[in-house]
C-alpha atoms as a PDB file:
ATOM      1  CA  MET A   1      30.051 229.264 -78.932  1.00  0.00           C
ATOM      2  CA  THR A   2      30.585 226.333 -81.279  1.00  0.00           C
ATOM      3  CA  ASP A   3      28.270 223.710 -82.776  1.00  0.00           C
ATOM      4  CA  ARG A   4      29.793 221.284 -80.235  1.00  0.00           C
ATOM      5  CA  ASP A   5      28.780 223.621 -77.444  1.00  0.00           C
ATOM      6  CA  ASP A   6      25.244 223.712 -78.797  1.00  0.00           C
ATOM      7  CA  THR A   7      25.237 219.899 -79.013  1.00  0.00           C
ATOM      8  CA  PHE A   8      26.186 219.508 -75.393  1.00  0.00           C
ATOM      9  CA  THR A   9      23.816 222.235 -74.283  1.00  0.00           C
ATOM     10  CA  ALA A  10      20.960 220.376 -76.095  1.00  0.00           C
ATOM     11  CA  LEU A  11      22.066 217.094 -74.410  1.00  0.00           C
ATOM     12  CA  THR A  12      21.864 218.857 -71.000  1.00  0.00           C
ATOM     13  CA  VAL A  13      18.324 220.024 -71.712  1.00  0.00           C
ATOM     14  CA  GLN A  14      17.434 216.539 -72.860  1.00  0.00           C
ATOM     15  CA  ARG A  15      18.793 215.034 -69.562  1.00  0.00           C
ATOM     16  CA  ALA A  16      16.842 217.605 -67.580  1.00  0.00           C
ATOM     17  CA  GLN A  17      13.685 216.643 -69.425  1.00  0.00           C
ATOM     18  CA  GLU A  18      14.303 213.012 -68.768  1.00  0.00           C
ATOM     19  CA  ASN A  19      14.645 213.859 -65.079  1.00  0.00           C
ATOM     20  CA  VAL A  20      11.329 215.717 -65.044  1.00  0.00           C
ATOM     21  CA  ASP A  21       9.705 212.744 -66.832  1.00  0.00           C
ATOM     22  CA  GLN A  22      11.023 210.496 -64.043  1.00  0.00           C
ATOM     23  CA  GLY A  23       9.688 212.801 -61.286  1.00  0.00           C
ATOM     24  CA  GLY A  24      12.724 214.916 -60.700  1.00  0.00           C
ATOM     25  CA  LYS A  25      13.471 218.631 -61.121  1.00  0.00           C
ATOM     26  CA  PRO A  26      14.402 220.274 -64.464  1.00  0.00           C
ATOM     27  CA  PHE A  27      18.224 220.362 -64.069  1.00  0.00           C
ATOM     28  CA  ALA A  28      21.155 218.462 -65.438  1.00  0.00           C
ATOM     29  CA  CYS A  29      24.919 218.975 -65.738  1.00  0.00           C
ATOM     30  CA  LEU A  30      27.539 217.536 -68.057  1.00  0.00           C
ATOM     31  CA  LEU A  31      31.252 217.759 -67.422  1.00  0.00           C
ATOM     32  CA  VAL A  32      33.021 217.640 -70.743  1.00  0.00           C
ATOM     33  CA  ARG A  33      36.763 217.386 -71.501  1.00  0.00           C
ATOM     34  CA  ASP A  34      38.284 217.301 -74.931  1.00  0.00           C
ATOM     35  CA  GLY A  35      34.876 216.972 -76.564  1.00  0.00           C
ATOM     36  CA  GLU A  36      33.875 213.884 -74.456  1.00  0.00           C
ATOM     37  CA  VAL A  37      31.246 213.770 -71.742  1.00  0.00           C
ATOM     38  CA  VAL A  38      33.040 212.507 -68.642  1.00  0.00           C
ATOM     39  CA  VAL A  39      30.288 212.991 -66.116  1.00  0.00           C
ATOM     40  CA  GLU A  40      26.542 213.328 -66.461  1.00  0.00           C
ATOM     41  CA  ALA A  41      24.347 214.234 -63.527  1.00  0.00           C
ATOM     42  CA  GLN A  42      20.803 215.231 -62.895  1.00  0.00           C
ATOM     43  CA  ASN A  43      19.214 217.076 -59.979  1.00  0.00           C
ATOM     44  CA  HIS A  44      18.080 214.430 -57.445  1.00  0.00           C
ATOM     45  CA  VAL A  45      16.597 216.694 -54.750  1.00  0.00           C
ATOM     46  CA  ALA A  46      13.082 215.322 -55.382  1.00  0.00           C
ATOM     47  CA  GLN A  47      14.297 211.748 -55.511  1.00  0.00           C
ATOM     48  CA  THR A  48      16.518 211.859 -52.373  1.00  0.00           C
ATOM     49  CA  GLY A  49      15.175 214.705 -50.191  1.00  0.00           C
ATOM     50  CA  ASP A  50      18.759 216.033 -50.073  1.00  0.00           C
ATOM     51  CA  PRO A  51      18.597 219.821 -50.765  1.00  0.00           C
ATOM     52  CA  THR A  52      22.251 219.753 -51.882  1.00  0.00           C
ATOM     53  CA  ALA A  53      21.623 217.050 -54.595  1.00  0.00           C
ATOM     54  CA  HIS A  54      21.695 219.703 -57.379  1.00  0.00           C
ATOM     55  CA  ALA A  55      23.019 218.527 -60.755  1.00  0.00           C
ATOM     56  CA  GLU A  56      26.211 220.608 -60.517  1.00  0.00           C
ATOM     57  CA  ILE A  57      26.977 219.342 -56.988  1.00  0.00           C
ATOM     58  CA  ARG A  58      26.317 215.749 -57.947  1.00  0.00           C
ATOM     59  CA  ALA A  59      28.511 216.063 -61.085  1.00  0.00           C
ATOM     60  CA  ILE A  60      31.387 217.442 -59.012  1.00  0.00           C
ATOM     61  CA  ARG A  61      31.018 214.653 -56.529  1.00  0.00           C
ATOM     62  CA  MET A  62      30.857 212.044 -59.281  1.00  0.00           C
ATOM     63  CA  ALA A  63      34.056 213.499 -60.823  1.00  0.00           C
ATOM     64  CA  ALA A  64      35.734 213.252 -57.430  1.00  0.00           C
ATOM     65  CA  GLU A  65      34.790 209.622 -57.155  1.00  0.00           C
ATOM     66  CA  GLN A  66      36.730 209.120 -60.484  1.00  0.00           C
ATOM     67  CA  GLY A  67      39.722 210.840 -58.809  1.00  0.00           C
ATOM     68  CA  ILE A  68      39.065 214.153 -60.652  1.00  0.00           C
ATOM     69  CA  THR A  69      39.490 216.852 -58.020  1.00  0.00           C
ATOM     70  CA  ASP A  70      40.176 219.831 -60.236  1.00  0.00           C
ATOM     71  CA  LEU A  71      38.003 220.593 -63.254  1.00  0.00           C
ATOM     72  CA  ARG A  72      40.659 222.608 -65.211  1.00  0.00           C
ATOM     73  CA  GLY A  73      40.357 221.453 -68.780  1.00  0.00           C
ATOM     74  CA  PHE A  74      36.622 220.757 -68.366  1.00  0.00           C
ATOM     75  CA  ASP A  75      33.565 222.691 -69.506  1.00  0.00           C
ATOM     76  CA  ALA A  76      30.426 222.415 -67.340  1.00  0.00           C
ATOM     77  CA  TYR A  77      27.180 222.449 -69.298  1.00  0.00           C
ATOM     78  CA  VAL A  78      24.136 223.126 -67.200  1.00  0.00           C
ATOM     79  CA  THR A  79      20.446 223.582 -67.814  1.00  0.00           C
ATOM     80  CA  ALA A  80      20.077 226.935 -66.054  1.00  0.00           C
ATOM     81  CA  TYR A  81      22.493 229.492 -64.788  1.00  0.00           C
ATOM     82  CA  PRO A  82      23.715 228.013 -61.455  1.00  0.00           C
ATOM     83  CA  CYS A  83      22.195 228.883 -58.174  1.00  0.00           C
ATOM     84  CA  PRO A  84      24.581 230.502 -55.594  1.00  0.00           C
ATOM     85  CA  MET A  85      25.364 227.110 -53.959  1.00  0.00           C
ATOM     86  CA  CYS A  86      26.207 225.499 -57.278  1.00  0.00           C
ATOM     87  CA  LEU A  87      28.025 228.570 -58.511  1.00  0.00           C
ATOM     88  CA  GLY A  88      30.201 228.542 -55.402  1.00  0.00           C
ATOM     89  CA  ALA A  89      30.940 224.804 -55.881  1.00  0.00           C
ATOM     90  CA  LEU A  90      31.881 225.461 -59.505  1.00  0.00           C
ATOM     91  CA  TYR A  91      34.280 228.246 -58.469  1.00  0.00           C
ATOM     92  CA  TYR A  92      35.911 225.751 -56.075  1.00  0.00           C
ATOM     93  CA  ALA A  93      36.012 223.042 -58.770  1.00  0.00           C
ATOM     94  CA  GLN A  94      37.490 225.429 -61.373  1.00  0.00           C
ATOM     95  CA  PRO A  95      36.145 224.343 -64.753  1.00  0.00           C
ATOM     96  CA  ASP A  96      37.312 226.378 -67.732  1.00  0.00           C
ATOM     97  CA  ARG A  97      33.789 227.454 -68.588  1.00  0.00           C
ATOM     98  CA  VAL A  98      30.144 227.161 -67.652  1.00  0.00           C
ATOM     99  CA  ILE A  99      27.687 227.037 -70.488  1.00  0.00           C
ATOM    100  CA  TYR A 100      24.063 227.395 -69.560  1.00  0.00           C
ATOM    101  CA  ALA A 101      20.936 226.802 -71.631  1.00  0.00           C
ATOM    102  CA  VAL A 102      18.547 229.108 -69.737  1.00  0.00           C
ATOM    103  CA  SER A 103      19.132 232.435 -67.981  1.00  0.00           C
ATOM    104  CA  ARG A 104      17.895 233.061 -64.499  1.00  0.00           C
ATOM    105  CA  GLU A 105      15.159 235.290 -65.937  1.00  0.00           C
ATOM    106  CA  GLU A 106      13.976 232.628 -68.434  1.00  0.00           C
ATOM    107  CA  GLU A 107      13.971 230.048 -65.710  1.00  0.00           C
ATOM    108  CA  ALA A 108      11.863 232.297 -63.442  1.00  0.00           C
ATOM    109  CA  GLU A 109       9.192 232.591 -66.132  1.00  0.00           C
ATOM    110  CA  HIS A 110       8.411 228.898 -65.677  1.00  0.00           C
ATOM    111  CA  TYR A 111       9.869 227.691 -62.416  1.00  0.00           C
ATOM    112  CA  GLU A 112      10.178 228.737 -58.819  1.00  0.00           C
ATOM    113  CA  ASP A 113      12.287 226.740 -56.334  1.00  0.00           C
ATOM    114  CA  GLY A 114      12.497 229.038 -53.371  1.00  0.00           C
ATOM    115  CA  ASN A 115      11.612 228.445 -49.723  1.00  0.00           C
ATOM    116  CA  ARG A 116      10.746 230.375 -46.606  1.00  0.00           C
ATOM    117  CA  LEU A 117      14.151 232.151 -46.693  1.00  0.00           C
ATOM    118  CA  MET A 118      14.444 233.038 -50.384  1.00  0.00           C
ATOM    119  CA  SER A 119      13.052 232.884 -53.851  1.00  0.00           C
ATOM    120  CA  LEU A 120      14.922 232.486 -57.130  1.00  0.00           C
ATOM    121  CA  GLY A 121      14.610 236.277 -57.579  1.00  0.00           C
ATOM    122  CA  THR A 122      16.069 237.099 -54.112  1.00  0.00           C
ATOM    123  CA  PHE A 123      18.593 234.284 -53.587  1.00  0.00           C
ATOM    124  CA  TYR A 124      21.566 235.896 -55.195  1.00  0.00           C
ATOM    125  CA  ASP A 125      20.837 239.187 -53.412  1.00  0.00           C
ATOM    126  CA  GLU A 126      21.152 237.470 -49.993  1.00  0.00           C
ATOM    127  CA  TYR A 127      24.909 237.165 -50.466  1.00  0.00           C
ATOM    128  CA  THR A 128      25.433 240.915 -50.935  1.00  0.00           C
ATOM    129  CA  LYS A 129      23.668 241.760 -47.726  1.00  0.00           C
ATOM    130  CA  SER A 130      25.557 242.122 -44.489  1.00  0.00           C
ATOM    131  CA  ILE A 131      25.331 238.968 -42.302  1.00  0.00           C
ATOM    132  CA  GLU A 132      22.953 240.596 -39.876  1.00  0.00           C
ATOM    133  CA  ASN A 133      20.500 241.575 -42.676  1.00  0.00           C
ATOM    134  CA  ARG A 134      20.150 238.171 -44.327  1.00  0.00           C
ATOM    135  CA  SER A 135      17.059 236.077 -44.134  1.00  0.00           C
ATOM    136  CA  LEU A 136      18.954 233.189 -42.503  1.00  0.00           C
ATOM    137  CA  PRO A 137      19.987 234.366 -39.012  1.00  0.00           C
ATOM    138  CA  ALA A 138      23.659 233.778 -38.135  1.00  0.00           C
ATOM    139  CA  GLU A 139      25.621 234.489 -34.967  1.00  0.00           C
ATOM    140  CA  GLN A 140      29.255 233.961 -34.115  1.00  0.00           C
ATOM    141  CA  GLY A 141      29.787 231.691 -31.170  1.00  0.00           C
ATOM    142  CA  GLN A 142      32.466 232.484 -28.571  1.00  0.00           C
ATOM    143  CA  VAL A 143      35.122 229.765 -28.172  1.00  0.00           C
ATOM    144  CA  ALA A 144      38.656 230.106 -26.864  1.00  0.00           C
ATOM    145  CA  ASN A 145      41.219 229.371 -29.572  1.00  0.00           C
ATOM    146  CA  ALA A 146      38.625 228.975 -32.274  1.00  0.00           C
ATOM    147  CA  THR A 147      41.245 229.676 -34.955  1.00  0.00           C
ATOM    148  CA  ALA A 148      43.642 226.942 -33.749  1.00  0.00           C
ATOM    149  CA  PRO A 149      42.554 224.336 -36.385  1.00  0.00           C
ATOM    150  CA  PHE A 150      43.205 226.872 -39.147  1.00  0.00           C
ATOM    151  CA  ALA A 151      46.601 227.884 -37.767  1.00  0.00           C
ATOM    152  CA  ASP A 152      47.525 224.211 -37.353  1.00  0.00           C
ATOM    153  CA  TRP A 153      46.439 223.374 -40.904  1.00  0.00           C
ATOM    154  CA  THR A 154      48.541 226.213 -42.275  1.00  0.00           C
ATOM    155  CA  ALA A 155      51.560 225.166 -40.213  1.00  0.00           C
ATOM    156  CA  LYS A 156      51.230 221.507 -41.562  1.00  0.00           C
ATOM    157  CA  HIS A 157      50.727 222.619 -45.139  1.00  0.00           C
ATOM    158  CA  SER A 158      53.066 225.614 -45.587  1.00  0.00           C
ATOM    159  CA  SER A 159      56.272 225.092 -47.486  1.00  0.00           C
END
C-alpha cells in the first residue's frame, strides 16, 4: 500500500460519510486510473429503493456511460469489502485491484444490511451451498431448445 492508496481510501470513507449525512447508506466507491479519480459513486439504495444501487455497481455503470467497459488499469477503492453481488460485478469489470477500508468483520460490528434470506454473516456462505440448500429457492424450468440462444451467440461470435 502506498500513501496514494491511503489518500484514496480516506476519500472513499469521506464520501461514504457524506452519503450517510444525506440519508444514504455508508458505502462509496472510487475508480482510479493513473492516480486520478475517474468515477465516484455512493450507495443509493436508500435514495432510490433499487437494491442493486450499491456504490460498486453504480461506479461500474457510470464508467460504462463514459465508454469504459473494461476496468483494466483501474483500482477500485471501496468503503467495505464488497458484498457477493458487487464482488461478482468487479470480477466481470476486471479492475487491477480492490482496496477496501473496512473488513467484513469490522463492518459487522457496526452495521447489518441483511434481509429475510441472508445476513452479512451468512451472505457469502450462500454461494458455497448447493442450489437446493440455499435460502432463495430456485428451480430449473423445462423448455425445448433452451440453449439455442447461447449456441446462436457462440456461432455469431466465434472466429
